[in-house]
Amino acid sequence: MAGASIAGLYGKIYGQNQVEDGSGRSGFLNFNFRTANKGGSGGGGGRDVGSGGKQLKDDHHKGGPQESLPQLSPHDDEGVHQNPQYTGQHHFHPVIHDHDYCERVVINVGGLRYETQIRTLNQFPDTLLGDPSRRIRYFDPVRNEYYFDRHRNCFEAIIYYYQSGGRLRRPVNVPLDVFSEEIQFYELGDYAITKFREDEGFIKEEEKPLPTNDLQRKVWLLFEYPESSQHARIVAIISVFVILLSIVIFCLETLPEFKHYKVFNTTANGTKIEEDEVPDVTDPFFIVETLCIIWFTFELLVRFLACPSKYVFAKDIMNMIDLVAIIPYFITLATIVAEKEEVIAPKAPVSPNKEGNNQAMSLAILRVIRLVRVFRIFKLSRHSKGLQILGRTLKASMRELGLLMFFLFIGVVLFSSTVYFAEAGSPHSHFKSIPDGFWWAVVTMTTVGYGDMTPVGVWGKIVGSLCAIAGVLTIALPVPVIVSNFNYFYHRETDQEEMQSQNFNHVQSCPYMPGFLGETKGPKNKP
């Protein structure tokens, strides 16, 4: 009878082992029990346990938050008490607990309720859900839950971030920008955002240094970062306009109607007319070119003086292109000055052959210098995201491009040699040597087919057909890899621009405001 009553009381208490103290925090009942010893009364023991349990439960509600329900005196496995002075009375001892250890909290996200433990959220106290002072704004005391009017599917990954100790995985059915917005709202921190971007395939951008001087920083941002301000955007537009103007001038001045010619008296009755490679200072094209060079020089000097590191600036390939683009003008200007001095103070006459050789060498150098001006078109890549993506694609695809060139080289040598020997017996063969067949093999393998060199014999045509087929296969194999790299860099750039332009605070989850839509249910506080 005594054993049954104690067992019943044990089951009753064990079924309600989680209780709350006066502060609203929960605790657990941990106890052991034994039946009365041979000299004791089982029924009395049961009554003592029942009365003691009821009294201690009441005391538990009245006590502080550090005490849980009591624990009966310890016992061994055989029911014999370990204390020899045990008199049959059951002694209760309060057990100290961490009440946040298993306290649960309900989070309602767009009508879908989630339940987790306080200690899970407390792992990240700097976040919205982990900081009680921040999440209390969204607490609804009527429903005893936190309510967020946010994306439901995203919250599964957010709550898993707390449960897993910091692993953030975007659900496959959630767009990248939406999930990034939720990360910002729940304030998971910069480290979580950086780790998430790395997992999504975004390469971590290196922090670009800025000058320490305020004036230098403003000038550097003005000329180097067009997106930094409206004035910087205007400077970028002017720079692009000047670059395009210089390229147009470079092309138009080669038209026959705009060329300048020199007349040389070779004999008493004959003259020689040649193109004048040295422009005239009164030429409109030269004047416009001078204005463009003034802007390029000013821009380069200002950027060099305002840059945070002169060494890094000097070894940048784009700055080298800027320097190479303006050097031809100053060489041409020096040539004009030298010619003017020669007219004023002519040199001693030299032999015609030596003079002709010097003149030919000078013209060749001037033409090469003028050709260097075409590199100005690469200055546009500083202001064009598309050209930057193309450059990154080519840089990332160097291995595939190298394989393509290697395959083409093998094919050119193989098929040019084969077609030479296949056409060797034909009197009308265009292939006088194997090097003559290099051009034909390149044109055929790239499927251009100019038709200036063609095989005429049967065996030569068979070799030409195999060469065309091999060229198609050779070029087609690495192309998908290059296209894949381009798509990767293109989508990464567009996604990054979209994330940077995204306003993560345009949707706010309204905090709970008592009495905003009406009086809340429940007893009112009396004055």
Protein backbone atom coordinates (compact mmCIF):
# COMPACT_ATOMS: atom_id res chain seq x y z
CA MET A 1 0.00 0.00 0.00
CA ALA A 2 2.78 2.35 0.98
CA GLY A 3 4.79 1.39 -2.07
CA ALA A 4 1.78 1.99 -4.34
CA SER A 5 1.06 5.40 -2.85
CA ILE A 6 4.65 6.48 -3.21
CA ALA A 7 4.80 5.14 -6.77
CA GLY A 8 1.60 7.02 -7.62
CA LEU A 9 2.96 10.19 -6.12
CA TYR A 10 6.19 9.67 -8.07
CA GLY A 11 4.30 9.32 -11.33
CA LYS A 12 2.17 12.38 -10.54
CA ILE A 13 5.19 14.53 -9.81
CA TYR A 14 7.24 13.09 -12.68
CA GLY A 15 4.49 13.89 -15.17
CA GLN A 16 4.65 17.53 -14.13
CA ASN A 17 8.36 17.77 -13.68
CA GLN A 18 8.71 21.12 -15.47
CA VAL A 19 7.34 24.00 -13.43
CA GLU A 20 7.82 27.71 -13.32
CA ASP A 21 8.97 29.85 -10.47
CA GLY A 22 7.73 33.28 -9.53
CA SER A 23 9.87 34.98 -12.17
CA GLY A 24 8.40 32.96 -15.01
CA ARG A 25 11.51 30.89 -15.50
CA SER A 26 11.25 27.13 -15.62
CA GLY A 27 12.99 24.47 -13.60
CA PHE A 28 13.08 20.68 -13.44
CA LEU A 29 12.26 18.23 -10.64
CA ASN A 30 15.11 15.80 -10.07
CA PHE A 31 14.64 13.34 -7.22
CA ASN A 32 15.27 9.80 -6.04
CA PHE A 33 13.13 7.88 -3.60
CA ARG A 34 13.05 4.62 -1.68
CA THR A 35 10.45 2.80 0.31
CA ALA A 36 10.52 2.85 4.10
CA ASN A 37 12.97 0.60 5.81
CA LYS A 38 11.90 -2.41 7.79
CA GLY A 39 11.31 -0.44 10.94
CA GLY A 40 9.36 2.35 9.25
CA SER A 41 5.81 2.77 8.15
CA GLY A 42 5.26 2.69 4.41
CA GLY A 43 2.04 4.62 4.59
CA GLY A 44 3.56 7.25 6.78
CA GLY A 45 6.42 7.55 4.35
CA GLY A 46 3.98 8.06 1.54
CA ARG A 47 2.07 10.72 3.43
CA ASP A 48 5.31 12.51 4.26
CA VAL A 49 6.32 12.53 0.61
CA GLY A 50 2.94 13.80 -0.50
CA SER A 51 2.75 16.58 2.05
CA GLY A 52 6.37 17.46 1.60
CA GLY A 53 6.04 17.59 -2.18
CA LYS A 54 3.00 19.88 -1.99
CA GLN A 55 4.62 22.21 0.50
CA LEU A 56 7.86 22.40 -1.42
CA LYS A 57 6.01 23.08 -4.66
CA ASP A 58 4.35 26.06 -3.02
CA ASP A 59 7.66 27.18 -1.61
CA HIS A 60 9.17 26.85 -5.04
CA HIS A 61 6.72 29.35 -6.46
CA LYS A 62 7.49 31.73 -3.65
CA GLY A 63 11.24 31.29 -3.75
CA GLY A 64 13.93 32.81 -5.92
CA PRO A 65 14.71 31.74 -9.48
CA GLN A 66 17.80 29.83 -8.45
CA GLU A 67 15.97 26.91 -6.78
CA SER A 68 14.10 24.11 -8.48
CA LEU A 69 11.82 21.47 -7.03
CA PRO A 70 13.38 19.41 -4.21
CA GLN A 71 15.27 16.17 -4.46
CA LEU A 72 14.68 13.22 -2.15
CA SER A 73 17.54 11.71 -0.18
CA PRO A 74 19.93 9.57 -2.22
CA HIS A 75 19.63 5.80 -2.23
CA ASP A 76 21.40 2.79 -3.58
CA ASP A 77 20.17 0.39 -6.22
CA GLU A 78 18.94 -2.18 -3.68
CA GLY A 79 16.78 0.23 -1.72
CA VAL A 80 19.09 0.30 1.31
CA HIS A 81 19.87 3.82 2.43
CA GLN A 82 23.53 4.71 2.39
CA ASN A 83 23.29 6.80 5.57
CA PRO A 84 23.32 4.53 8.69
CA GLN A 85 21.58 7.22 10.72
CA TYR A 86 18.59 7.24 8.37
CA THR A 87 15.41 7.14 10.48
CA GLY A 88 12.84 6.55 7.78
CA GLN A 89 12.21 10.25 7.13
CA HIS A 90 12.76 11.45 3.58
CA HIS A 91 15.03 14.48 3.36
CA PHE A 92 14.57 16.92 0.47
CA HIS A 93 17.34 19.11 -0.97
CA PRO A 94 16.75 21.92 -3.51
CA VAL A 95 18.67 21.51 -6.79
CA ILE A 96 20.29 24.52 -8.43
CA HIS A 97 19.55 24.80 -12.19
CA ASP A 98 20.32 27.05 -15.15
CA HIS A 99 16.74 27.98 -15.96
CA ASP A 100 17.67 29.21 -19.47
CA TYR A 101 19.06 25.78 -20.27
CA CYS A 102 15.82 24.37 -21.64
CA GLU A 103 13.43 27.32 -21.56
CA ARG A 104 11.61 27.43 -24.86
CA VAL A 105 10.50 30.40 -26.92
CA VAL A 106 7.97 30.59 -29.75
CA ILE A 107 8.77 32.60 -32.88
CA ASN A 108 6.00 33.30 -35.40
CA VAL A 109 7.27 34.16 -38.89
CA GLY A 110 4.52 35.11 -41.31
CA GLY A 111 2.02 32.82 -39.58
CA LEU A 112 4.38 29.85 -39.31
CA ARG A 113 5.36 29.11 -35.71
CA TYR A 114 8.83 27.93 -34.75
CA GLU A 115 9.88 26.76 -31.31
CA THR A 116 13.42 26.73 -29.99
CA GLN A 117 15.33 27.16 -26.74
CA ILE A 118 16.58 30.39 -25.24
CA ARG A 119 20.08 29.00 -24.87
CA THR A 120 20.14 28.33 -28.63
CA LEU A 121 19.51 32.00 -29.38
CA ASN A 122 21.91 33.16 -26.68
CA GLN A 123 24.84 31.67 -28.59
CA PHE A 124 24.90 34.81 -30.73
CA PRO A 125 24.07 37.72 -28.41
CA ASP A 126 24.99 40.37 -31.00
CA THR A 127 22.15 39.36 -33.35
CA LEU A 128 18.51 40.40 -33.36
CA LEU A 129 17.19 37.12 -31.98
CA GLY A 130 20.09 36.62 -29.59
CA ASP A 131 19.78 40.00 -27.90
CA PRO A 132 16.76 40.18 -25.54
CA SER A 133 16.71 43.98 -25.65
CA ARG A 134 16.36 43.95 -29.43
CA ARG A 135 13.96 41.07 -29.91
CA ILE A 136 11.59 42.28 -27.16
CA ARG A 137 10.26 44.85 -29.61
CA TYR A 138 8.61 42.02 -31.54
CA PHE A 139 7.14 40.19 -28.54
CA ASP A 140 3.36 39.70 -28.43
CA PRO A 141 2.29 39.20 -24.78
CA VAL A 142 -1.21 38.15 -25.80
CA ARG A 143 0.01 35.12 -27.76
CA ASN A 144 3.21 34.80 -25.73
CA GLU A 145 5.37 34.69 -28.86
CA TYR A 146 7.65 36.79 -31.03
CA TYR A 147 6.11 37.79 -34.34
CA PHE A 148 8.04 38.71 -37.51
CA ASP A 149 6.31 39.53 -40.78
CA ARG A 150 9.20 38.19 -42.87
CA HIS A 151 10.02 35.54 -45.48
CA ARG A 152 9.09 32.12 -44.09
CA ASN A 153 11.40 29.90 -46.13
CA CYS A 154 14.38 32.06 -45.24
CA PHE A 155 13.76 31.70 -41.52
CA GLU A 156 14.39 27.97 -41.64
CA ALA A 157 17.99 28.75 -42.60
CA ILE A 158 18.16 31.59 -40.07
CA ILE A 159 17.06 29.41 -37.14
CA TYR A 160 19.42 26.66 -38.33
CA TYR A 161 22.22 29.21 -38.08
CA TYR A 162 21.60 29.35 -34.32
CA GLN A 163 21.04 25.62 -33.94
CA SER A 164 24.19 24.62 -35.84
CA GLY A 165 26.45 27.13 -34.15
CA GLY A 166 27.02 29.39 -37.15
CA ARG A 167 26.41 27.44 -40.38
CA LEU A 168 24.44 29.54 -42.86
CA ARG A 169 23.00 27.85 -45.94
CA ARG A 170 20.65 29.51 -48.42
CA PRO A 171 17.59 27.41 -49.34
CA VAL A 172 17.54 26.47 -53.01
CA ASN A 173 14.10 28.01 -53.54
CA VAL A 174 15.07 31.41 -52.11
CA PRO A 175 16.63 34.08 -54.37
CA LEU A 176 20.02 35.46 -53.45
CA ASP A 177 18.87 39.04 -52.93
CA VAL A 178 15.92 37.97 -50.74
CA PHE A 179 18.12 35.86 -48.49
CA SER A 180 20.70 38.64 -48.25
CA GLU A 181 17.93 40.98 -47.16
CA GLU A 182 16.88 38.58 -44.40
CA ILE A 183 20.47 38.27 -43.18
CA GLN A 184 20.62 42.03 -42.87
CA PHE A 185 17.30 42.20 -41.05
CA TYR A 186 18.18 39.58 -38.45
CA GLU A 187 21.55 41.31 -37.95
CA LEU A 188 23.68 38.19 -38.21
CA GLY A 189 26.78 40.34 -38.57
CA ASP A 190 29.51 41.08 -41.09
CA TYR A 191 31.27 37.77 -40.53
CA ALA A 192 28.14 35.79 -41.41
CA ILE A 193 27.59 37.90 -44.52
CA THR A 194 31.21 37.47 -45.63
CA LYS A 195 31.12 33.71 -45.05
CA PHE A 196 27.81 33.45 -46.89
CA ARG A 197 29.18 35.35 -49.90
CA GLU A 198 32.21 33.07 -50.01
CA ASP A 199 29.97 29.99 -49.93
CA GLU A 200 27.91 31.45 -52.77
CA GLY A 201 31.02 31.81 -54.93
CA PHE A 202 31.72 35.50 -54.47
CA ILE A 203 35.42 36.22 -54.32
CA LYS A 204 36.31 38.29 -51.31
CA GLU A 205 37.22 41.73 -52.51
CA GLU A 206 40.41 43.16 -51.15
CA GLU A 207 40.07 46.38 -49.27
CA LYS A 208 41.31 49.16 -51.50
CA PRO A 209 43.54 51.57 -49.59
CA LEU A 210 42.75 55.26 -49.54
CA PRO A 211 45.10 58.20 -48.93
CA THR A 212 45.33 59.40 -45.37
CA ASN A 213 45.29 63.07 -46.32
CA ASP A 214 41.77 64.47 -46.69
CA LEU A 215 42.52 66.44 -49.85
CA GLN A 216 44.32 63.52 -51.48
CA ARG A 217 41.46 61.20 -50.55
CA LYS A 218 38.89 63.48 -52.17
CA VAL A 219 40.96 63.84 -55.35
CA TRP A 220 41.64 60.09 -55.49
CA LEU A 221 37.97 59.25 -55.15
CA LEU A 222 37.11 61.90 -57.74
CA PHE A 223 39.34 60.41 -60.46
CA GLU A 224 39.46 56.72 -59.48
CA TYR A 225 35.94 55.82 -58.30
CA PRO A 226 33.18 57.25 -60.53
CA GLU A 227 30.47 55.78 -58.30
CA SER A 228 31.68 57.66 -55.22
CA SER A 229 29.92 60.96 -56.02
CA GLN A 230 28.14 62.94 -58.70
CA HIS A 231 31.26 65.00 -59.43
CA ALA A 232 33.28 61.82 -59.89
CA ARG A 233 30.70 60.59 -62.39
CA ILE A 234 31.02 63.83 -64.36
CA VAL A 235 34.82 63.46 -64.43
CA ALA A 236 34.42 59.88 -65.72
CA ILE A 237 32.07 61.05 -68.49
CA ILE A 238 34.58 63.71 -69.57
CA SER A 239 37.37 61.14 -69.59
CA VAL A 240 35.36 58.71 -71.74
CA PHE A 241 34.45 61.50 -74.17
CA VAL A 242 38.09 62.54 -74.57
CA ILE A 243 39.18 58.93 -75.13
CA LEU A 244 36.56 58.41 -77.84
CA LEU A 245 37.47 61.73 -79.46
CA SER A 246 41.16 60.83 -79.63
CA ILE A 247 40.34 57.44 -81.19
CA VAL A 248 38.11 59.07 -83.81
CA ILE A 249 40.86 61.57 -84.66
CA PHE A 250 43.37 58.73 -84.89
CA CYS A 251 41.19 57.00 -87.50
CA LEU A 252 40.07 60.05 -89.51
CA GLU A 253 43.54 61.49 -90.06
CA THR A 254 44.46 58.43 -92.15
CA LEU A 255 41.85 59.26 -94.83
CA PRO A 256 43.48 60.28 -98.16
CA GLU A 257 41.75 63.68 -98.25
CA PHE A 258 43.22 64.58 -94.84
CA LYS A 259 46.79 63.39 -95.45
CA HIS A 260 49.78 65.69 -95.95
CA TYR A 261 52.41 64.98 -98.58
CA LYS A 262 56.00 66.04 -99.13
CA VAL A 263 57.52 66.79 -102.53
CA PHE A 264 61.14 65.78 -103.10
CA ASN A 265 63.14 66.87 -106.15
CA THR A 266 65.00 63.68 -106.94
CA THR A 267 66.35 64.87 -110.33
CA ALA A 268 66.28 68.01 -112.38
CA ASN A 269 63.26 66.77 -114.30
CA GLY A 270 61.63 64.48 -111.71
CA THR A 271 59.94 64.78 -108.33
CA LYS A 272 59.01 62.30 -105.61
CA ILE A 273 55.86 62.63 -103.51
CA GLU A 274 55.67 60.88 -100.14
CA GLU A 275 53.32 61.02 -97.20
CA ASP A 276 54.43 63.43 -94.51
CA GLU A 277 54.52 61.50 -91.25
CA VAL A 278 55.20 64.63 -89.22
CA PRO A 279 51.99 66.63 -88.75
CA ASP A 280 51.68 70.37 -89.12
CA VAL A 281 51.08 72.42 -85.97
CA THR A 282 48.25 74.26 -87.74
CA ASP A 283 46.49 71.02 -88.64
CA PRO A 284 43.05 70.79 -86.89
CA PHE A 285 43.67 67.13 -86.11
CA PHE A 286 46.92 67.99 -84.37
CA ILE A 287 45.20 70.72 -82.36
CA VAL A 288 42.46 68.36 -81.18
CA GLU A 289 45.10 65.74 -80.41
CA THR A 290 46.96 68.29 -78.32
CA LEU A 291 43.84 69.06 -76.28
CA CYS A 292 43.26 65.36 -75.66
CA ILE A 293 46.87 64.85 -74.56
CA ILE A 294 46.59 67.79 -72.17
CA TRP A 295 43.65 66.07 -70.46
CA PHE A 296 45.36 62.66 -70.39
CA THR A 297 48.54 64.16 -68.91
CA PHE A 298 46.62 66.17 -66.34
CA GLU A 299 44.60 63.12 -65.31
CA LEU A 300 47.68 60.91 -65.01
CA LEU A 301 49.65 63.44 -62.96
CA VAL A 302 46.75 64.17 -60.61
CA ARG A 303 46.10 60.49 -60.01
CA PHE A 304 49.81 59.86 -59.42
CA LEU A 305 50.09 62.68 -56.88
CA ALA A 306 46.91 61.64 -55.04
CA CYS A 307 47.43 57.87 -55.04
CA PRO A 308 47.95 56.14 -51.66
CA SER A 309 51.01 54.18 -52.88
CA LYS A 310 53.33 55.37 -55.66
CA TYR A 311 54.85 51.90 -56.06
CA VAL A 312 51.49 50.17 -56.50
CA PHE A 313 50.41 52.91 -58.89
CA ALA A 314 53.54 52.52 -61.03
CA LYS A 315 53.21 48.76 -61.48
CA ASP A 316 49.51 48.84 -62.38
CA ILE A 317 49.02 47.74 -65.99
CA MET A 318 46.28 50.29 -66.62
CA ASN A 319 48.53 53.15 -65.53
CA MET A 320 51.24 51.83 -67.85
CA ILE A 321 48.74 51.98 -70.70
CA ASP A 322 47.92 55.57 -69.77
CA LEU A 323 51.59 56.46 -69.93
CA VAL A 324 52.17 54.66 -73.23
CA ALA A 325 49.15 56.42 -74.74
CA ILE A 326 50.63 59.90 -74.28
CA ILE A 327 54.30 59.20 -75.09
CA PRO A 328 53.81 59.18 -78.93
CA TYR A 329 52.54 62.74 -78.87
CA PHE A 330 55.63 64.10 -77.13
CA ILE A 331 57.92 62.17 -79.50
CA THR A 332 56.02 63.62 -82.45
CA LEU A 333 56.25 67.07 -80.91
CA ALA A 334 60.01 66.67 -80.50
CA THR A 335 60.26 65.65 -84.16
CA ILE A 336 58.40 68.79 -85.24
CA VAL A 337 60.72 70.95 -83.16
CA ALA A 338 63.76 69.18 -84.65
CA GLU A 339 62.53 69.81 -88.19
CA LYS A 340 61.97 73.48 -87.41
CA GLU A 341 65.52 73.77 -86.12
CA GLU A 342 66.82 71.99 -89.21
CA VAL A 343 65.06 74.52 -91.42
CA ILE A 344 66.53 77.39 -89.43
CA ALA A 345 70.05 75.89 -89.19
CA PRO A 346 70.50 73.25 -91.92
CA LYS A 347 73.04 70.50 -91.32
CA ALA A 348 75.92 69.52 -93.53
CA PRO A 349 74.86 67.59 -96.63
CA VAL A 350 75.17 63.83 -96.61
CA SER A 351 75.17 61.23 -99.33
CA PRO A 352 71.79 60.45 -100.92
CA ASN A 353 71.92 56.79 -99.94
CA LYS A 354 72.64 57.56 -96.29
CA GLU A 355 69.99 60.25 -96.25
CA GLY A 356 67.45 57.84 -97.72
CA ASN A 357 68.25 55.18 -95.14
CA ASN A 358 67.95 57.65 -92.28
CA GLN A 359 64.67 58.94 -93.64
CA ALA A 360 63.23 55.43 -94.01
CA MET A 361 64.26 54.55 -90.47
CA SER A 362 62.70 57.73 -89.11
CA LEU A 363 59.45 57.08 -90.96
CA ALA A 364 59.29 53.51 -89.63
CA ILE A 365 59.81 54.71 -86.07
CA LEU A 366 57.16 57.40 -86.45
CA ARG A 367 54.67 54.88 -87.80
CA VAL A 368 55.27 52.54 -84.88
CA ILE A 369 54.85 55.45 -82.49
CA ARG A 370 51.60 56.46 -84.14
CA LEU A 371 50.42 52.86 -83.91
CA VAL A 372 50.96 52.92 -80.14
CA ARG A 373 48.21 55.54 -79.91
CA VAL A 374 45.66 52.82 -80.58
CA PHE A 375 46.25 51.49 -77.04
CA ARG A 376 44.17 54.39 -75.79
CA ILE A 377 41.13 52.27 -76.45
CA PHE A 378 42.11 50.15 -73.45
CA LYS A 379 41.62 53.21 -71.27
CA LEU A 380 37.90 52.61 -71.72
CA SER A 381 38.16 49.47 -69.60
CA ARG A 382 38.60 51.70 -66.55
CA HIS A 383 35.02 52.91 -67.06
CA SER A 384 33.45 49.80 -68.62
CA LYS A 385 32.35 46.82 -66.52
CA GLY A 386 31.93 44.74 -69.67
CA LEU A 387 35.57 45.13 -70.68
CA GLN A 388 36.65 44.34 -67.13
CA ILE A 389 34.58 41.15 -67.19
CA LEU A 390 36.12 40.22 -70.54
CA GLY A 391 39.60 40.77 -69.12
CA ARG A 392 38.86 38.61 -66.09
CA THR A 393 37.45 35.92 -68.36
CA LEU A 394 40.56 35.82 -70.52
CA LYS A 395 42.76 35.80 -67.44
CA ALA A 396 40.82 32.91 -65.90
CA SER A 397 40.82 31.03 -69.22
CA MET A 398 44.54 31.24 -69.94
CA ARG A 399 44.94 27.50 -69.52
CA GLU A 400 42.18 26.75 -72.00
CA LEU A 401 43.49 29.35 -74.44
CA GLY A 402 46.95 27.86 -74.14
CA LEU A 403 45.57 24.41 -74.94
CA LEU A 404 43.71 25.87 -77.92
CA MET A 405 46.88 27.45 -79.32
CA PHE A 406 48.82 24.24 -78.71
CA PHE A 407 46.23 22.15 -80.57
CA LEU A 408 46.18 24.65 -83.44
CA PHE A 409 49.97 24.58 -83.64
CA ILE A 410 49.99 20.79 -83.87
CA GLY A 411 47.25 20.84 -86.51
CA VAL A 412 48.96 23.53 -88.57
CA VAL A 413 52.28 21.68 -88.68
CA LEU A 414 50.60 18.33 -89.36
CA PHE A 415 48.24 19.39 -92.15
CA SER A 416 50.60 21.85 -93.84
CA SER A 417 53.20 19.07 -94.11
CA THR A 418 50.62 16.58 -95.34
CA VAL A 419 49.13 18.87 -97.98
CA TYR A 420 52.61 19.80 -99.24
CA PHE A 421 53.51 16.20 -99.96
CA ALA A 422 50.00 15.46 -101.25
CA GLU A 423 50.29 18.31 -103.81
CA ALA A 424 53.98 17.84 -104.60
CA GLY A 425 53.29 16.06 -107.89
CA SER A 426 50.83 18.64 -109.25
CA PRO A 427 52.25 21.33 -111.59
CA HIS A 428 49.59 23.84 -110.50
CA SER A 429 50.15 23.41 -106.75
CA HIS A 430 50.05 26.55 -104.59
CA PHE A 431 52.16 24.91 -101.89
CA LYS A 432 55.80 25.53 -102.81
CA SER A 433 57.02 24.68 -99.30
CA ILE A 434 55.75 23.59 -95.91
CA PRO A 435 55.91 27.16 -94.48
CA ASP A 436 53.71 28.25 -97.39
CA GLY A 437 51.12 25.77 -96.12
CA PHE A 438 51.06 27.29 -92.62
CA TRP A 439 48.79 30.12 -93.74
CA TRP A 440 46.45 27.74 -95.55
CA ALA A 441 46.25 25.43 -92.51
CA VAL A 442 45.45 28.30 -90.12
CA VAL A 443 42.75 29.71 -92.42
CA THR A 444 41.23 26.27 -92.94
CA MET A 445 41.27 25.16 -89.29
CA THR A 446 39.65 28.41 -88.17
CA THR A 447 36.95 27.88 -90.87
CA VAL A 448 37.74 31.25 -92.50
CA GLY A 449 38.67 29.92 -95.93
CA TYR A 450 39.99 32.89 -97.94
CA GLY A 451 40.48 30.76 -101.04
CA ASP A 452 43.84 32.28 -102.00
CA MET A 453 45.48 28.87 -101.58
CA THR A 454 43.56 25.70 -102.40
CA PRO A 455 44.55 22.09 -103.06
CA VAL A 456 43.91 20.93 -106.63
CA GLY A 457 44.61 17.21 -106.40
CA VAL A 458 42.36 14.48 -104.99
CA TRP A 459 44.65 13.68 -102.09
CA GLY A 460 45.13 17.35 -101.36
CA LYS A 461 41.37 17.89 -101.17
CA ILE A 462 41.03 14.94 -98.80
CA VAL A 463 43.70 16.46 -96.56
CA GLY A 464 41.88 19.82 -96.74
CA SER A 465 38.61 18.21 -95.66
CA LEU A 466 40.25 16.51 -92.69
CA CYS A 467 41.95 19.79 -91.79
CA ALA A 468 38.60 21.65 -91.71
CA ILE A 469 36.94 18.94 -89.58
CA ALA A 470 39.87 18.84 -87.15
CA GLY A 471 39.77 22.63 -86.87
CA VAL A 472 36.09 22.64 -85.94
CA LEU A 473 36.64 20.04 -83.23
CA THR A 474 39.78 21.73 -81.91
CA ILE A 475 38.13 25.12 -81.53
CA ALA A 476 34.83 23.76 -80.21
CA LEU A 477 36.34 21.85 -77.28
CA PRO A 478 37.68 24.73 -75.10
CA VAL A 479 35.03 27.28 -76.10
CA PRO A 480 32.35 26.06 -73.60
CA VAL A 481 34.84 26.45 -70.73
CA ILE A 482 35.59 30.03 -71.77
CA VAL A 483 31.89 30.80 -72.12
CA SER A 484 31.25 29.30 -68.69
CA ASN A 485 33.92 31.54 -67.17
CA PHE A 486 32.38 34.57 -68.83
CA ASN A 487 28.93 33.69 -67.50
CA TYR A 488 30.36 33.21 -64.03
CA PHE A 489 32.05 36.61 -63.93
CA TYR A 490 29.08 38.31 -65.57
CA HIS A 491 26.49 36.94 -63.13
CA ARG A 492 28.79 37.56 -60.19
CA GLU A 493 29.18 41.20 -61.22
CA THR A 494 25.46 41.71 -61.79
CA ASP A 495 24.53 40.00 -58.51
CA GLN A 496 27.07 42.08 -56.65
CA GLU A 497 25.71 45.31 -58.13
CA GLU A 498 22.19 44.23 -57.25
CA MET A 499 23.18 43.45 -53.66
CA GLN A 500 25.01 46.75 -53.30
CA SER A 501 22.07 48.73 -54.65
CA GLN A 502 19.55 46.76 -52.59
CA ASN A 503 17.91 48.72 -49.78
CA PHE A 504 17.80 46.11 -47.03
CA ASN A 505 15.65 48.27 -44.78
CA HIS A 506 12.79 49.00 -47.15
CA VAL A 507 10.64 46.32 -45.46
CA GLN A 508 10.42 46.48 -41.69
CA SER A 509 8.73 43.93 -39.48
CA CYS A 510 6.43 45.93 -37.23
CA PRO A 511 7.15 45.51 -33.51
CA TYR A 512 4.33 44.76 -31.12
CA MET A 513 2.60 47.96 -29.98
CA PRO A 514 -0.10 47.40 -27.32
CA GLY A 515 -3.29 49.32 -27.93
CA PHE A 516 -2.36 50.35 -31.48
CA LEU A 517 -5.22 48.46 -33.13
CA GLY A 518 -7.35 48.13 -30.02
CA GLU A 519 -7.23 47.08 -26.42
CA THR A 520 -5.56 43.78 -25.74
CA LYS A 521 -7.47 41.02 -24.10
CA GLY A 522 -6.90 40.12 -20.49
CA PRO A 523 -7.26 41.77 -17.11
CA LYS A 524 -6.53 45.46 -16.96
CA ASN A 525 -4.20 46.88 -14.39
CA LYS A 526 -6.12 48.75 -11.75
CA PRO A 527 -4.69 52.01 -10.49
